[in-house]
Amino acid sequence: METTGALTDLPPEVAADRLLGSADAEWARRFAAEVDRRQAVGRLPALLARWRLSNAEAARLFGVSRQAFSKWLALGPPADREPAVADLDAAADLLERYLRPDRIPAVVRRPSAALGGRSLLAVAEDDGTHALLGAARAMFDLRRVQP
């Protein structure tokens, strides 16, 4: 088996071939799940910082208790919640593309007529993270702009 340093010196495709070439399918599945979990653990604190969310606010977005969310910060979200984390991450990326980073916390909290007087955070709490992503996309849909 290659050492970590030797694997990271290789192109990712070659490293994957070497690492997984001799592994059974179950080991490869567990390895991929662990890599995904570790990446998700890193995304949550970044999301909290980008939107200046408290743990309690983040827990409400995901519909879990503060204690459960604290566990997510330490161990990563459960696999069934990964799509919700991905939705919020995609919405954060979109907001950062069009807004100054220091404006994002205010924008996600500001009620909007286009959202029925709700904020993006309220949309996520009421309708789920996928609805929040859709609302963020609609905010910047430049096809709606008339010349």
N, C-alpha and C. Protein backbone atom coordinates (compact mmCIF):
# COMPACT_ATOMS: atom_id res chain seq x y z
N MET A 1 0.85 -1.18 0.00
CA MET A 1 0.00 0.00 0.00
C MET A 1 0.89 1.24 0.00
N GLU A 2 0.51 2.22 -0.80
CA GLU A 2 1.25 3.48 -0.90
C GLU A 2 1.12 4.27 0.40
N THR A 3 2.11 5.09 0.67
CA THR A 3 1.99 6.00 1.81
C THR A 3 1.19 7.21 1.38
N THR A 4 0.69 7.96 2.35
CA THR A 4 -0.10 9.14 2.06
C THR A 4 0.68 10.12 1.21
N GLY A 5 1.94 10.39 1.55
CA GLY A 5 2.74 11.32 0.78
C GLY A 5 2.87 10.89 -0.67
N ALA A 6 3.10 9.61 -0.89
CA ALA A 6 3.25 9.12 -2.26
C ALA A 6 1.93 9.24 -3.02
N LEU A 7 0.81 8.96 -2.38
CA LEU A 7 -0.49 9.09 -3.05
C LEU A 7 -0.78 10.54 -3.42
N THR A 8 -0.49 11.45 -2.53
CA THR A 8 -0.80 12.85 -2.80
C THR A 8 0.13 13.45 -3.84
N ASP A 9 1.25 12.78 -4.14
CA ASP A 9 2.13 13.24 -5.20
C ASP A 9 1.62 12.85 -6.59
N LEU A 10 0.64 11.97 -6.63
CA LEU A 10 0.10 11.46 -7.90
C LEU A 10 -1.13 12.26 -8.32
N PRO A 11 -1.45 12.25 -9.62
CA PRO A 11 -2.73 12.82 -10.05
C PRO A 11 -3.85 12.05 -9.35
N PRO A 12 -4.95 12.70 -8.99
CA PRO A 12 -6.03 12.03 -8.25
C PRO A 12 -6.54 10.75 -8.93
N GLU A 13 -6.62 10.73 -10.24
CA GLU A 13 -7.13 9.55 -10.94
C GLU A 13 -6.18 8.36 -10.76
N VAL A 14 -4.88 8.62 -10.82
CA VAL A 14 -3.89 7.56 -10.66
C VAL A 14 -3.89 7.07 -9.21
N ALA A 15 -3.96 8.02 -8.26
CA ALA A 15 -4.00 7.64 -6.84
C ALA A 15 -5.22 6.78 -6.55
N ALA A 16 -6.38 7.14 -7.14
CA ALA A 16 -7.59 6.35 -6.93
C ALA A 16 -7.42 4.95 -7.49
N ASP A 17 -6.82 4.85 -8.67
CA ASP A 17 -6.58 3.52 -9.26
C ASP A 17 -5.70 2.67 -8.35
N ARG A 18 -4.63 3.27 -7.86
CA ARG A 18 -3.71 2.49 -7.00
C ARG A 18 -4.36 2.12 -5.68
N LEU A 19 -5.08 3.06 -5.09
CA LEU A 19 -5.69 2.83 -3.78
C LEU A 19 -6.82 1.82 -3.87
N LEU A 20 -7.65 1.95 -4.88
CA LEU A 20 -8.85 1.12 -4.97
C LEU A 20 -8.65 -0.14 -5.80
N GLY A 21 -7.55 -0.21 -6.52
CA GLY A 21 -7.31 -1.36 -7.38
C GLY A 21 -7.31 -2.68 -6.65
N SER A 22 -6.80 -2.70 -5.43
CA SER A 22 -6.73 -3.95 -4.69
C SER A 22 -7.79 -4.05 -3.59
N ALA A 23 -8.66 -3.04 -3.50
CA ALA A 23 -9.67 -3.03 -2.43
C ALA A 23 -10.94 -3.73 -2.88
N ASP A 24 -11.63 -4.33 -1.90
CA ASP A 24 -12.93 -4.91 -2.25
C ASP A 24 -13.97 -3.78 -2.29
N ALA A 25 -15.11 -4.08 -2.87
CA ALA A 25 -16.14 -3.06 -3.11
C ALA A 25 -16.65 -2.45 -1.81
N GLU A 26 -16.81 -3.26 -0.78
CA GLU A 26 -17.32 -2.73 0.50
C GLU A 26 -16.31 -1.76 1.11
N TRP A 27 -15.04 -2.10 1.08
CA TRP A 27 -14.01 -1.20 1.61
C TRP A 27 -14.01 0.11 0.82
N ALA A 28 -14.11 0.04 -0.49
CA ALA A 28 -14.11 1.23 -1.34
C ALA A 28 -15.32 2.11 -1.01
N ARG A 29 -16.49 1.50 -0.79
CA ARG A 29 -17.69 2.26 -0.43
C ARG A 29 -17.50 2.97 0.90
N ARG A 30 -16.96 2.24 1.89
CA ARG A 30 -16.74 2.84 3.22
C ARG A 30 -15.70 3.95 3.15
N PHE A 31 -14.65 3.75 2.35
CA PHE A 31 -13.61 4.77 2.19
C PHE A 31 -14.21 6.04 1.58
N ALA A 32 -14.99 5.89 0.52
CA ALA A 32 -15.62 7.05 -0.13
C ALA A 32 -16.56 7.77 0.83
N ALA A 33 -17.31 7.01 1.63
CA ALA A 33 -18.22 7.62 2.60
C ALA A 33 -17.44 8.42 3.65
N GLU A 34 -16.31 7.90 4.07
CA GLU A 34 -15.49 8.59 5.06
C GLU A 34 -14.90 9.87 4.49
N VAL A 35 -14.44 9.83 3.25
CA VAL A 35 -13.92 11.04 2.60
C VAL A 35 -15.03 12.09 2.50
N ASP A 36 -16.23 11.67 2.07
CA ASP A 36 -17.36 12.60 1.98
C ASP A 36 -17.71 13.19 3.35
N ARG A 37 -17.69 12.35 4.38
CA ARG A 37 -18.03 12.81 5.73
C ARG A 37 -17.03 13.86 6.19
N ARG A 38 -15.77 13.61 5.97
CA ARG A 38 -14.74 14.57 6.40
C ARG A 38 -14.84 15.88 5.65
N GLN A 39 -15.18 15.83 4.38
CA GLN A 39 -15.36 17.07 3.63
C GLN A 39 -16.57 17.83 4.15
N ALA A 40 -17.65 17.13 4.47
CA ALA A 40 -18.85 17.78 5.00
C ALA A 40 -18.58 18.44 6.34
N VAL A 41 -17.77 17.80 7.18
CA VAL A 41 -17.44 18.39 8.48
C VAL A 41 -16.81 19.77 8.27
N GLY A 42 -15.94 19.90 7.30
CA GLY A 42 -15.29 21.17 7.03
C GLY A 42 -16.21 22.22 6.45
N ARG A 43 -17.24 21.80 5.72
CA ARG A 43 -18.16 22.76 5.10
C ARG A 43 -19.07 23.43 6.12
N LEU A 44 -19.46 22.73 7.16
CA LEU A 44 -20.41 23.32 8.11
C LEU A 44 -19.85 24.55 8.83
N PRO A 45 -18.66 24.49 9.42
CA PRO A 45 -18.14 25.71 10.07
C PRO A 45 -17.95 26.86 9.07
N ALA A 46 -17.59 26.52 7.84
CA ALA A 46 -17.43 27.57 6.83
C ALA A 46 -18.77 28.23 6.53
N LEU A 47 -19.83 27.44 6.46
CA LEU A 47 -21.16 27.99 6.23
C LEU A 47 -21.58 28.88 7.39
N LEU A 48 -21.34 28.43 8.61
CA LEU A 48 -21.68 29.24 9.78
C LEU A 48 -20.97 30.59 9.72
N ALA A 49 -19.72 30.57 9.36
CA ALA A 49 -18.94 31.80 9.30
C ALA A 49 -19.41 32.71 8.16
N ARG A 50 -19.67 32.13 6.99
CA ARG A 50 -20.07 32.93 5.83
C ARG A 50 -21.38 33.65 6.07
N TRP A 51 -22.32 33.00 6.73
CA TRP A 51 -23.63 33.58 6.95
C TRP A 51 -23.79 34.14 8.37
N ARG A 52 -22.72 34.03 9.17
CA ARG A 52 -22.73 34.45 10.57
C ARG A 52 -23.94 33.85 11.31
N LEU A 53 -24.02 32.55 11.24
CA LEU A 53 -25.09 31.81 11.90
C LEU A 53 -24.61 31.26 13.22
N SER A 54 -25.48 31.28 14.20
CA SER A 54 -25.19 30.59 15.45
C SER A 54 -25.51 29.11 15.24
N ASN A 55 -25.06 28.28 16.15
CA ASN A 55 -25.40 26.86 16.08
C ASN A 55 -26.92 26.66 16.15
N ALA A 56 -27.59 27.49 16.97
CA ALA A 56 -29.05 27.37 17.10
C ALA A 56 -29.74 27.72 15.78
N GLU A 57 -29.28 28.78 15.11
CA GLU A 57 -29.87 29.15 13.82
C GLU A 57 -29.63 28.05 12.79
N ALA A 58 -28.43 27.52 12.75
CA ALA A 58 -28.12 26.46 11.81
C ALA A 58 -28.96 25.22 12.10
N ALA A 59 -29.12 24.89 13.35
CA ALA A 59 -29.94 23.73 13.72
C ALA A 59 -31.37 23.91 13.22
N ARG A 60 -31.92 25.12 13.37
CA ARG A 60 -33.28 25.38 12.87
C ARG A 60 -33.36 25.21 11.35
N LEU A 61 -32.31 25.66 10.63
CA LEU A 61 -32.31 25.51 9.17
C LEU A 61 -32.43 24.06 8.76
N PHE A 62 -31.75 23.19 9.51
CA PHE A 62 -31.75 21.77 9.18
C PHE A 62 -32.86 20.99 9.88
N GLY A 63 -33.61 21.67 10.75
CA GLY A 63 -34.70 21.00 11.45
C GLY A 63 -34.23 19.99 12.48
N VAL A 64 -33.11 20.29 13.15
CA VAL A 64 -32.59 19.40 14.18
C VAL A 64 -32.35 20.20 15.46
N SER A 65 -32.08 19.51 16.54
CA SER A 65 -31.77 20.18 17.80
C SER A 65 -30.36 20.77 17.76
N ARG A 66 -30.10 21.70 18.67
CA ARG A 66 -28.75 22.25 18.77
C ARG A 66 -27.75 21.16 19.10
N GLN A 67 -28.14 20.23 19.94
CA GLN A 67 -27.25 19.14 20.31
C GLN A 67 -26.91 18.27 19.10
N ALA A 68 -27.92 17.98 18.30
CA ALA A 68 -27.67 17.18 17.09
C ALA A 68 -26.74 17.93 16.14
N PHE A 69 -26.97 19.23 15.99
CA PHE A 69 -26.12 20.01 15.09
C PHE A 69 -24.69 20.07 15.61
N SER A 70 -24.52 20.18 16.93
CA SER A 70 -23.17 20.16 17.50
C SER A 70 -22.46 18.85 17.18
N LYS A 71 -23.20 17.78 17.18
CA LYS A 71 -22.64 16.48 16.81
C LYS A 71 -22.21 16.49 15.34
N TRP A 72 -23.01 17.13 14.50
CA TRP A 72 -22.65 17.24 13.08
C TRP A 72 -21.34 17.97 12.91
N LEU A 73 -21.14 19.01 13.73
CA LEU A 73 -19.89 19.78 13.62
C LEU A 73 -18.68 18.92 13.96
N ALA A 74 -18.88 18.00 14.86
CA ALA A 74 -17.77 17.13 15.28
C ALA A 74 -17.60 15.93 14.36
N LEU A 75 -18.71 15.34 13.91
CA LEU A 75 -18.65 14.07 13.19
C LEU A 75 -19.13 14.15 11.74
N GLY A 76 -19.69 15.26 11.36
CA GLY A 76 -20.28 15.39 10.04
C GLY A 76 -21.76 15.06 10.09
N PRO A 77 -22.50 15.58 9.12
CA PRO A 77 -23.94 15.30 9.09
C PRO A 77 -24.21 13.86 8.68
N PRO A 78 -25.35 13.32 9.09
CA PRO A 78 -25.71 11.98 8.62
C PRO A 78 -25.87 11.99 7.10
N ALA A 79 -25.69 10.87 6.49
CA ALA A 79 -25.74 10.77 5.03
C ALA A 79 -27.06 11.30 4.46
N ASP A 80 -28.17 11.07 5.17
CA ASP A 80 -29.46 11.53 4.65
C ASP A 80 -29.61 13.04 4.70
N ARG A 81 -28.74 13.73 5.45
CA ARG A 81 -28.78 15.20 5.53
C ARG A 81 -27.75 15.86 4.62
N GLU A 82 -26.92 15.08 3.98
CA GLU A 82 -25.90 15.64 3.10
C GLU A 82 -26.49 16.48 1.96
N PRO A 83 -27.61 16.09 1.35
CA PRO A 83 -28.19 16.95 0.31
C PRO A 83 -28.57 18.34 0.84
N ALA A 84 -29.04 18.42 2.08
CA ALA A 84 -29.40 19.72 2.65
C ALA A 84 -28.15 20.59 2.85
N VAL A 85 -27.06 19.97 3.30
CA VAL A 85 -25.80 20.71 3.45
C VAL A 85 -25.32 21.18 2.09
N ALA A 86 -25.44 20.33 1.08
CA ALA A 86 -25.02 20.69 -0.28
C ALA A 86 -25.87 21.84 -0.83
N ASP A 87 -27.18 21.84 -0.53
CA ASP A 87 -28.05 22.94 -0.96
C ASP A 87 -27.59 24.27 -0.37
N LEU A 88 -27.32 24.28 0.93
CA LEU A 88 -26.89 25.52 1.57
C LEU A 88 -25.52 25.95 1.08
N ASP A 89 -24.66 24.99 0.85
CA ASP A 89 -23.32 25.31 0.34
C ASP A 89 -23.43 25.93 -1.05
N ALA A 90 -24.29 25.38 -1.90
CA ALA A 90 -24.49 25.93 -3.25
C ALA A 90 -25.10 27.32 -3.18
N ALA A 91 -26.06 27.53 -2.28
CA ALA A 91 -26.65 28.86 -2.12
C ALA A 91 -25.60 29.86 -1.64
N ALA A 92 -24.75 29.44 -0.71
CA ALA A 92 -23.68 30.32 -0.22
C ALA A 92 -22.72 30.69 -1.34
N ASP A 93 -22.36 29.72 -2.17
CA ASP A 93 -21.48 30.00 -3.31
C ASP A 93 -22.12 31.00 -4.26
N LEU A 94 -23.41 30.83 -4.53
CA LEU A 94 -24.13 31.74 -5.42
C LEU A 94 -24.15 33.16 -4.85
N LEU A 95 -24.46 33.28 -3.57
CA LEU A 95 -24.49 34.60 -2.94
C LEU A 95 -23.12 35.25 -2.97
N GLU A 96 -22.08 34.47 -2.75
CA GLU A 96 -20.72 35.04 -2.79
C GLU A 96 -20.32 35.47 -4.19
N ARG A 97 -20.89 34.85 -5.20
CA ARG A 97 -20.58 35.23 -6.57
C ARG A 97 -21.12 36.62 -6.90
N TYR A 98 -22.29 36.96 -6.32
CA TYR A 98 -22.95 38.20 -6.69
C TYR A 98 -22.91 39.29 -5.62
N LEU A 99 -22.54 38.95 -4.42
CA LEU A 99 -22.56 39.91 -3.31
C LEU A 99 -21.20 40.00 -2.64
N ARG A 100 -20.95 41.13 -2.02
CA ARG A 100 -19.75 41.23 -1.19
C ARG A 100 -19.96 40.32 0.02
N PRO A 101 -18.93 39.60 0.43
CA PRO A 101 -19.10 38.66 1.54
C PRO A 101 -19.65 39.30 2.82
N ASP A 102 -19.30 40.53 3.09
CA ASP A 102 -19.78 41.17 4.32
C ASP A 102 -21.27 41.51 4.25
N ARG A 103 -21.90 41.47 3.08
CA ARG A 103 -23.33 41.75 2.91
C ARG A 103 -24.20 40.50 3.05
N ILE A 104 -23.60 39.34 2.90
CA ILE A 104 -24.38 38.11 2.87
C ILE A 104 -25.19 37.88 4.14
N PRO A 105 -24.63 38.05 5.34
CA PRO A 105 -25.46 37.82 6.54
C PRO A 105 -26.73 38.68 6.57
N ALA A 106 -26.63 39.92 6.12
CA ALA A 106 -27.82 40.78 6.11
C ALA A 106 -28.81 40.32 5.04
N VAL A 107 -28.31 39.93 3.89
CA VAL A 107 -29.19 39.51 2.79
C VAL A 107 -29.97 38.26 3.16
N VAL A 108 -29.34 37.29 3.81
CA VAL A 108 -30.06 36.06 4.14
C VAL A 108 -31.09 36.28 5.25
N ARG A 109 -30.96 37.37 6.00
CA ARG A 109 -31.90 37.66 7.08
C ARG A 109 -33.00 38.67 6.70
N ARG A 110 -32.81 39.41 5.60
CA ARG A 110 -33.74 40.47 5.23
C ARG A 110 -34.99 39.88 4.58
N PRO A 111 -36.16 40.28 5.08
CA PRO A 111 -37.40 39.86 4.42
C PRO A 111 -37.48 40.45 3.01
N SER A 112 -38.03 39.67 2.10
CA SER A 112 -38.14 40.10 0.71
C SER A 112 -39.57 39.91 0.22
N ALA A 113 -40.05 40.90 -0.52
CA ALA A 113 -41.39 40.78 -1.10
C ALA A 113 -41.46 39.58 -2.04
N ALA A 114 -40.36 39.32 -2.75
CA ALA A 114 -40.33 38.19 -3.69
C ALA A 114 -40.46 36.85 -2.98
N LEU A 115 -40.19 36.84 -1.70
CA LEU A 115 -40.29 35.60 -0.91
C LEU A 115 -41.51 35.62 0.01
N GLY A 116 -42.48 36.44 -0.34
CA GLY A 116 -43.69 36.53 0.50
C GLY A 116 -43.43 37.18 1.83
N GLY A 117 -42.48 38.13 1.86
CA GLY A 117 -42.16 38.82 3.11
C GLY A 117 -41.26 38.02 4.04
N ARG A 118 -40.73 36.92 3.54
CA ARG A 118 -39.83 36.10 4.36
C ARG A 118 -38.39 36.33 3.93
N SER A 119 -37.48 35.94 4.81
CA SER A 119 -36.06 35.97 4.49
C SER A 119 -35.65 34.63 3.90
N LEU A 120 -34.44 34.58 3.35
CA LEU A 120 -33.94 33.30 2.85
C LEU A 120 -33.85 32.28 3.99
N LEU A 121 -33.44 32.72 5.17
CA LEU A 121 -33.36 31.79 6.31
C LEU A 121 -34.74 31.26 6.66
N ALA A 122 -35.76 32.13 6.61
CA ALA A 122 -37.13 31.68 6.91
C ALA A 122 -37.62 30.70 5.86
N VAL A 123 -37.25 30.93 4.60
CA VAL A 123 -37.63 29.98 3.54
C VAL A 123 -37.05 28.61 3.86
N ALA A 124 -35.79 28.56 4.26
CA ALA A 124 -35.16 27.28 4.59
C ALA A 124 -35.85 26.62 5.78
N GLU A 125 -36.16 27.41 6.80
CA GLU A 125 -36.82 26.84 7.98
C GLU A 125 -38.21 26.33 7.66
N ASP A 126 -38.96 27.09 6.83
CA ASP A 126 -40.34 26.73 6.52
C ASP A 126 -40.46 25.66 5.44
N ASP A 127 -39.65 25.80 4.40
CA ASP A 127 -39.85 24.98 3.20
C ASP A 127 -38.68 24.06 2.88
N GLY A 128 -37.58 24.18 3.61
CA GLY A 128 -36.43 23.31 3.39
C GLY A 128 -35.31 23.99 2.63
N THR A 129 -34.16 23.36 2.69
CA THR A 129 -32.96 23.95 2.11
C THR A 129 -33.02 23.98 0.58
N HIS A 130 -33.71 23.04 -0.03
CA HIS A 130 -33.81 23.05 -1.49
C HIS A 130 -34.60 24.28 -1.95
N ALA A 131 -35.63 24.67 -1.19
CA ALA A 131 -36.40 25.88 -1.50
C ALA A 131 -35.53 27.12 -1.35
N LEU A 132 -34.66 27.13 -0.33
CA LEU A 132 -33.74 28.25 -0.16
C LEU A 132 -32.82 28.36 -1.37
N LEU A 133 -32.28 27.25 -1.83
CA LEU A 133 -31.40 27.27 -3.00
C LEU A 133 -32.16 27.80 -4.22
N GLY A 134 -33.38 27.36 -4.41
CA GLY A 134 -34.19 27.85 -5.52
C GLY A 134 -34.45 29.34 -5.42
N ALA A 135 -34.72 29.83 -4.22
CA ALA A 135 -34.95 31.26 -4.02
C ALA A 135 -33.69 32.06 -4.29
N ALA A 136 -32.55 31.55 -3.86
CA ALA A 136 -31.28 32.25 -4.12
C ALA A 136 -31.00 32.28 -5.61
N ARG A 137 -31.27 31.20 -6.30
CA ARG A 137 -31.07 31.18 -7.76
C ARG A 137 -31.98 32.19 -8.44
N ALA A 138 -33.23 32.26 -7.99
CA ALA A 138 -34.17 33.20 -8.59
C ALA A 138 -33.75 34.65 -8.38
N MET A 139 -33.11 34.93 -7.25
CA MET A 139 -32.65 36.29 -6.97
C MET A 139 -31.69 36.79 -8.04
N PHE A 140 -30.90 35.90 -8.59
CA PHE A 140 -29.86 36.28 -9.53
C PHE A 140 -30.10 35.74 -10.94
N ASP A 141 -31.36 35.44 -11.25
CA ASP A 141 -31.69 34.95 -12.58
C ASP A 141 -31.71 36.14 -13.53
N LEU A 142 -30.61 36.32 -14.23
CA LEU A 142 -30.47 37.49 -15.09
C LEU A 142 -31.31 37.38 -16.36
N ARG A 143 -31.90 36.23 -16.63
CA ARG A 143 -32.79 36.09 -17.78
C ARG A 143 -34.06 36.91 -17.60
N ARG A 144 -34.40 37.21 -16.34
CA ARG A 144 -35.61 37.99 -16.06
C ARG A 144 -35.42 39.47 -16.35
N VAL A 145 -34.19 39.90 -16.44
CA VAL A 145 -33.90 41.32 -16.67
C VAL A 145 -34.21 41.68 -18.11
N GLN A 146 -35.00 42.71 -18.32
CA GLN A 146 -35.36 43.16 -19.67
C GLN A 146 -34.34 44.18 -20.15
N PRO A 147 -33.92 44.11 -21.43
CA PRO A 147 -32.96 45.08 -21.96
C PRO A 147 -33.58 46.46 -22.14
